[in-house]
């Protein structure tokens, strides 16, 4: 904060910026959790995309994943290495990318969450095109409890 010039009057505020700062360890913990959540989102998106490609085309190649996710081939390769380390995929040189049982389970859960959110938004009256875009982000952040409420709403609306 820039100190006020002697001739300027400072506005009184309830808190100064220094008082609103979190303790460093608390702020670092929040950022670690956020980064972890983003990694989990990325894993879900990749697993879902790989499953979609395998189911539709019989294989998932890095170039196809890059096109579908709007990222570079290099980004896909780096992320696939992390997914392999985490046990979600297997790869072989110059071959397709394969989901492990754990990766297939992650993909199916991501698909399920996505479908519920999409159907809920459409049931609310959101245009399908808009709902598809919004569901892509919401699906990662909605709790199991909220998903259950979404499902009950959908069932009630369709009855």
C-alpha atoms as a PDB file:
ATOM      1  CA  UNK A   1       0.000   0.000   0.000  1.00  0.00           C
ATOM      2  CA  UNK A   2       1.341   3.449  -0.895  1.00  0.00           C
ATOM      3  CA  UNK A   3       1.348   5.784   2.100  1.00  0.00           C
ATOM      4  CA  UNK A   4      -0.832   8.864   1.815  1.00  0.00           C
ATOM      5  CA  UNK A   5       0.837  12.180   1.188  1.00  0.00           C
ATOM      6  CA  UNK A   6       0.872  14.368   4.290  1.00  0.00           C
ATOM      7  CA  UNK A   7      -1.682  16.727   2.756  1.00  0.00           C
ATOM      8  CA  UNK A   8      -4.100  13.922   1.789  1.00  0.00           C
ATOM      9  CA  UNK A   9      -6.630  12.565   4.212  1.00  0.00           C
ATOM     10  CA  UNK A  10      -6.725   8.809   4.491  1.00  0.00           C
ATOM     11  CA  UNK A  11     -10.085   7.131   4.475  1.00  0.00           C
ATOM     12  CA  UNK A  12     -10.764   5.071   7.510  1.00  0.00           C
ATOM     13  CA  UNK A  13     -11.348   1.438   6.724  1.00  0.00           C
ATOM     14  CA  UNK A  14     -12.309  -1.402   8.955  1.00  0.00           C
ATOM     15  CA  UNK A  15      -9.198  -3.338   8.007  1.00  0.00           C
ATOM     16  CA  UNK A  16      -5.914  -2.485   6.392  1.00  0.00           C
ATOM     17  CA  UNK A  17      -4.489  -4.856   3.756  1.00  0.00           C
ATOM     18  CA  UNK A  18      -1.960  -6.213   6.253  1.00  0.00           C
ATOM     19  CA  UNK A  19      -4.791  -7.262   8.557  1.00  0.00           C
ATOM     20  CA  UNK A  20      -6.608  -9.156   5.791  1.00  0.00           C
ATOM     21  CA  UNK A  21      -3.623 -11.227   4.708  1.00  0.00           C
ATOM     22  CA  UNK A  22      -3.760 -14.860   5.680  1.00  0.00           C
ATOM     23  CA  UNK A  23      -0.897 -16.472   7.511  1.00  0.00           C
ATOM     24  CA  UNK A  24       1.635 -17.726   4.923  1.00  0.00           C
ATOM     25  CA  UNK A  25       1.121 -21.402   5.824  1.00  0.00           C
ATOM     26  CA  UNK A  26      -2.672 -21.017   5.503  1.00  0.00           C
ATOM     27  CA  UNK A  27      -2.414 -19.260   2.134  1.00  0.00           C
ATOM     28  CA  UNK A  28       0.073 -21.868   0.898  1.00  0.00           C
ATOM     29  CA  UNK A  29      -2.292 -24.645   1.992  1.00  0.00           C
ATOM     30  CA  UNK A  30      -5.156 -23.076   0.042  1.00  0.00           C
ATOM     31  CA  UNK A  31      -3.020 -22.785  -3.098  1.00  0.00           C
ATOM     32  CA  UNK A  32      -1.811 -26.400  -2.763  1.00  0.00           C
ATOM     33  CA  UNK A  33      -5.426 -27.591  -2.518  1.00  0.00           C
ATOM     34  CA  UNK A  34      -6.387 -25.531  -5.558  1.00  0.00           C
ATOM     35  CA  UNK A  35      -3.487 -26.931  -7.614  1.00  0.00           C
ATOM     36  CA  UNK A  36      -4.419 -30.451  -6.528  1.00  0.00           C
ATOM     37  CA  UNK A  37      -8.049 -29.866  -7.531  1.00  0.00           C
ATOM     38  CA  UNK A  38      -6.926 -28.615 -10.960  1.00  0.00           C
ATOM     39  CA  UNK A  39      -4.739 -31.703 -11.403  1.00  0.00           C
ATOM     40  CA  UNK A  40      -7.735 -33.883 -10.541  1.00  0.00           C
ATOM     41  CA  UNK A  41      -9.900 -32.000 -13.067  1.00  0.00           C
ATOM     42  CA  UNK A  42      -7.262 -32.470 -15.728  1.00  0.00           C
ATOM     43  CA  UNK A  43      -7.014 -36.192 -14.945  1.00  0.00           C
ATOM     44  CA  UNK A  44     -10.786 -36.554 -15.254  1.00  0.00           C
ATOM     45  CA  UNK A  45     -10.890 -34.642 -18.543  1.00  0.00           C
ATOM     46  CA  UNK A  46      -8.056 -36.700 -20.017  1.00  0.00           C
ATOM     47  CA  UNK A  47      -9.490 -40.027 -18.838  1.00  0.00           C
ATOM     48  CA  UNK A  48     -12.908 -39.123 -20.235  1.00  0.00           C
ATOM     49  CA  UNK A  49     -11.413 -38.005 -23.568  1.00  0.00           C
ATOM     50  CA  UNK A  50      -9.242 -41.118 -23.846  1.00  0.00           C
ATOM     51  CA  UNK A  51     -12.266 -43.332 -23.098  1.00  0.00           C
ATOM     52  CA  UNK A  52     -14.359 -41.455 -25.678  1.00  0.00           C
ATOM     53  CA  UNK A  53     -11.665 -41.904 -28.332  1.00  0.00           C
ATOM     54  CA  UNK A  54     -11.165 -45.593 -27.545  1.00  0.00           C
ATOM     55  CA  UNK A  55     -14.911 -46.223 -27.580  1.00  0.00           C
ATOM     56  CA  UNK A  56     -15.483 -44.289 -30.830  1.00  0.00           C
ATOM     57  CA  UNK A  57     -12.275 -44.967 -32.771  1.00  0.00           C
ATOM     58  CA  UNK A  58     -10.722 -48.005 -31.113  1.00  0.00           C
ATOM     59  CA  UNK A  59      -7.670 -46.044 -30.001  1.00  0.00           C
ATOM     60  CA  UNK A  60      -6.542 -42.843 -28.329  1.00  0.00           C
ATOM     61  CA  UNK A  61      -3.535 -41.092 -29.818  1.00  0.00           C
ATOM     62  CA  UNK A  62      -1.799 -38.061 -28.325  1.00  0.00           C
ATOM     63  CA  UNK A  63      -2.539 -35.947 -31.402  1.00  0.00           C
ATOM     64  CA  UNK A  64      -6.265 -36.732 -31.184  1.00  0.00           C
ATOM     65  CA  UNK A  65      -6.335 -35.935 -27.462  1.00  0.00           C
ATOM     66  CA  UNK A  66      -4.573 -32.627 -28.136  1.00  0.00           C
ATOM     67  CA  UNK A  67      -7.159 -31.684 -30.776  1.00  0.00           C
ATOM     68  CA  UNK A  68     -10.106 -32.545 -28.536  1.00  0.00           C
ATOM     69  CA  UNK A  69      -8.757 -30.741 -25.468  1.00  0.00           C
ATOM     70  CA  UNK A  70      -7.375 -27.739 -27.343  1.00  0.00           C
ATOM     71  CA  UNK A  71      -3.828 -28.170 -26.055  1.00  0.00           C
ATOM     72  CA  UNK A  72      -0.483 -28.876 -27.648  1.00  0.00           C
ATOM     73  CA  UNK A  73       0.942 -32.311 -28.321  1.00  0.00           C
ATOM     74  CA  UNK A  74       3.707 -31.544 -25.808  1.00  0.00           C
ATOM     75  CA  UNK A  75       1.136 -30.749 -23.103  1.00  0.00           C
ATOM     76  CA  UNK A  76      -0.585 -34.067 -23.775  1.00  0.00           C
ATOM     77  CA  UNK A  77       2.691 -35.991 -23.556  1.00  0.00           C
ATOM     78  CA  UNK A  78       3.554 -34.360 -20.208  1.00  0.00           C
ATOM     79  CA  UNK A  79       0.088 -34.981 -18.810  1.00  0.00           C
ATOM     80  CA  UNK A  80       0.021 -38.576 -20.051  1.00  0.00           C
ATOM     81  CA  UNK A  81       3.340 -39.163 -18.251  1.00  0.00           C
ATOM     82  CA  UNK A  82       1.718 -37.940 -15.017  1.00  0.00           C
ATOM     83  CA  UNK A  83      -1.380 -40.067 -15.627  1.00  0.00           C
ATOM     84  CA  UNK A  84       0.848 -43.078 -16.214  1.00  0.00           C
ATOM     85  CA  UNK A  85       2.746 -42.377 -13.000  1.00  0.00           C
ATOM     86  CA  UNK A  86      -0.603 -42.126 -11.161  1.00  0.00           C
ATOM     87  CA  UNK A  87      -1.813 -45.442 -12.591  1.00  0.00           C
ATOM     88  CA  UNK A  88      -4.575 -44.174 -14.906  1.00  0.00           C
ATOM     89  CA  UNK A  89      -3.022 -45.014 -18.295  1.00  0.00           C
ATOM     90  CA  UNK A  90      -0.439 -47.214 -19.921  1.00  0.00           C
ATOM     91  CA  UNK A  91       1.548 -46.370 -23.016  1.00  0.00           C
ATOM     92  CA  UNK A  92       3.964 -48.042 -25.363  1.00  0.00           C
ATOM     93  CA  UNK A  93       6.301 -46.250 -27.758  1.00  0.00           C
ATOM     94  CA  UNK A  94       4.616 -45.392 -31.059  1.00  0.00           C
ATOM     95  CA  UNK A  95       1.338 -46.912 -29.869  1.00  0.00           C
ATOM     96  CA  UNK A  96      -1.967 -45.651 -28.595  1.00  0.00           C
ATOM     97  CA  UNK A  97      -2.715 -44.673 -25.016  1.00  0.00           C
ATOM     98  CA  UNK A  98      -4.664 -47.193 -22.966  1.00  0.00           C
ATOM     99  CA  UNK A  99      -6.705 -46.725 -19.805  1.00  0.00           C
ATOM    100  CA  UNK A 100      -6.003 -48.950 -16.834  1.00  0.00           C
ATOM    101  CA  UNK A 101      -8.948 -50.284 -14.829  1.00  0.00           C
ATOM    102  CA  UNK A 102      -8.418 -47.332 -12.494  1.00  0.00           C
ATOM    103  CA  UNK A 103      -8.390 -44.947 -15.469  1.00  0.00           C
ATOM    104  CA  UNK A 104     -11.557 -46.460 -16.940  1.00  0.00           C
ATOM    105  CA  UNK A 105     -13.264 -46.081 -13.547  1.00  0.00           C
ATOM    106  CA  UNK A 106     -12.193 -42.411 -13.423  1.00  0.00           C
ATOM    107  CA  UNK A 107     -13.522 -41.856 -16.954  1.00  0.00           C
ATOM    108  CA  UNK A 108     -16.877 -43.472 -16.175  1.00  0.00           C
ATOM    109  CA  UNK A 109     -17.289 -41.401 -13.014  1.00  0.00           C
ATOM    110  CA  UNK A 110     -16.454 -38.223 -14.958  1.00  0.00           C
ATOM    111  CA  UNK A 111     -18.985 -39.172 -17.646  1.00  0.00           C
ATOM    112  CA  UNK A 112     -21.648 -39.847 -14.999  1.00  0.00           C
ATOM    113  CA  UNK A 113     -21.081 -36.517 -13.260  1.00  0.00           C
ATOM    114  CA  UNK A 114     -21.055 -34.686 -16.582  1.00  0.00           C
ATOM    115  CA  UNK A 115     -24.313 -36.301 -17.706  1.00  0.00           C
ATOM    116  CA  UNK A 116     -26.101 -35.418 -14.455  1.00  0.00           C
ATOM    117  CA  UNK A 117     -24.991 -31.783 -14.541  1.00  0.00           C
ATOM    118  CA  UNK A 118     -25.834 -31.455 -18.239  1.00  0.00           C
ATOM    119  CA  UNK A 119     -29.293 -32.968 -17.791  1.00  0.00           C
ATOM    120  CA  UNK A 120     -29.926 -30.776 -14.738  1.00  0.00           C
ATOM    121  CA  UNK A 121     -29.014 -27.571 -16.568  1.00  0.00           C
ATOM    122  CA  UNK A 122     -31.207 -28.503 -19.512  1.00  0.00           C
ATOM    123  CA  UNK A 123     -34.077 -29.343 -17.109  1.00  0.00           C
ATOM    124  CA  UNK A 124     -33.707 -25.826 -15.704  1.00  0.00           C
ATOM    125  CA  UNK A 125     -34.205 -24.427 -19.189  1.00  0.00           C
ATOM    126  CA  UNK A 126     -30.616 -23.691 -20.172  1.00  0.00           C
ATOM    127  CA  UNK A 127     -30.062 -24.072 -23.923  1.00  0.00           C
ATOM    128  CA  UNK A 128     -28.301 -27.387 -24.662  1.00  0.00           C
ATOM    129  CA  UNK A 129     -25.299 -25.640 -26.279  1.00  0.00           C
ATOM    130  CA  UNK A 130     -24.809 -23.412 -23.235  1.00  0.00           C
ATOM    131  CA  UNK A 131     -25.471 -26.282 -20.835  1.00  0.00           C
ATOM    132  CA  UNK A 132     -22.770 -28.357 -22.543  1.00  0.00           C
ATOM    133  CA  UNK A 133     -20.183 -25.626 -22.000  1.00  0.00           C
ATOM    134  CA  UNK A 134     -21.238 -24.921 -18.416  1.00  0.00           C
ATOM    135  CA  UNK A 135     -21.441 -28.589 -17.455  1.00  0.00           C
ATOM    136  CA  UNK A 136     -17.810 -29.064 -18.420  1.00  0.00           C
ATOM    137  CA  UNK A 137     -16.683 -26.817 -15.582  1.00  0.00           C
ATOM    138  CA  UNK A 138     -19.386 -27.499 -13.015  1.00  0.00           C
ATOM    139  CA  UNK A 139     -18.987 -31.287 -13.098  1.00  0.00           C
ATOM    140  CA  UNK A 140     -15.601 -31.022 -11.381  1.00  0.00           C
ATOM    141  CA  UNK A 141     -16.725 -28.833  -8.515  1.00  0.00           C
ATOM    142  CA  UNK A 142     -20.125 -30.157  -7.523  1.00  0.00           C
ATOM    143  CA  UNK A 143     -20.335 -32.332  -4.414  1.00  0.00           C
ATOM    144  CA  UNK A 144     -21.862 -35.804  -4.279  1.00  0.00           C
ATOM    145  CA  UNK A 145     -24.676 -34.376  -2.158  1.00  0.00           C
ATOM    146  CA  UNK A 146     -25.473 -31.724  -4.763  1.00  0.00           C
ATOM    147  CA  UNK A 147     -25.363 -34.308  -7.572  1.00  0.00           C
ATOM    148  CA  UNK A 148     -27.966 -36.341  -5.678  1.00  0.00           C
ATOM    149  CA  UNK A 149     -30.192 -33.262  -5.410  1.00  0.00           C
ATOM    150  CA  UNK A 150     -29.713 -32.623  -9.139  1.00  0.00           C
ATOM    151  CA  UNK A 151     -30.798 -36.207  -9.856  1.00  0.00           C
ATOM    152  CA  UNK A 152     -33.892 -35.915  -7.644  1.00  0.00           C
ATOM    153  CA  UNK A 153     -34.830 -32.666  -9.391  1.00  0.00           C
ATOM    154  CA  UNK A 154     -34.439 -34.289 -12.807  1.00  0.00           C
ATOM    155  CA  UNK A 155     -36.612 -37.252 -11.767  1.00  0.00           C
ATOM    156  CA  UNK A 156     -39.310 -34.962 -10.333  1.00  0.00           C
ATOM    157  CA  UNK A 157     -39.300 -32.780 -13.419  1.00  0.00           C
ATOM    158  CA  UNK A 158     -39.627 -35.763 -15.760  1.00  0.00           C
ATOM    159  CA  UNK A 159     -42.467 -37.336 -13.749  1.00  0.00           C
END
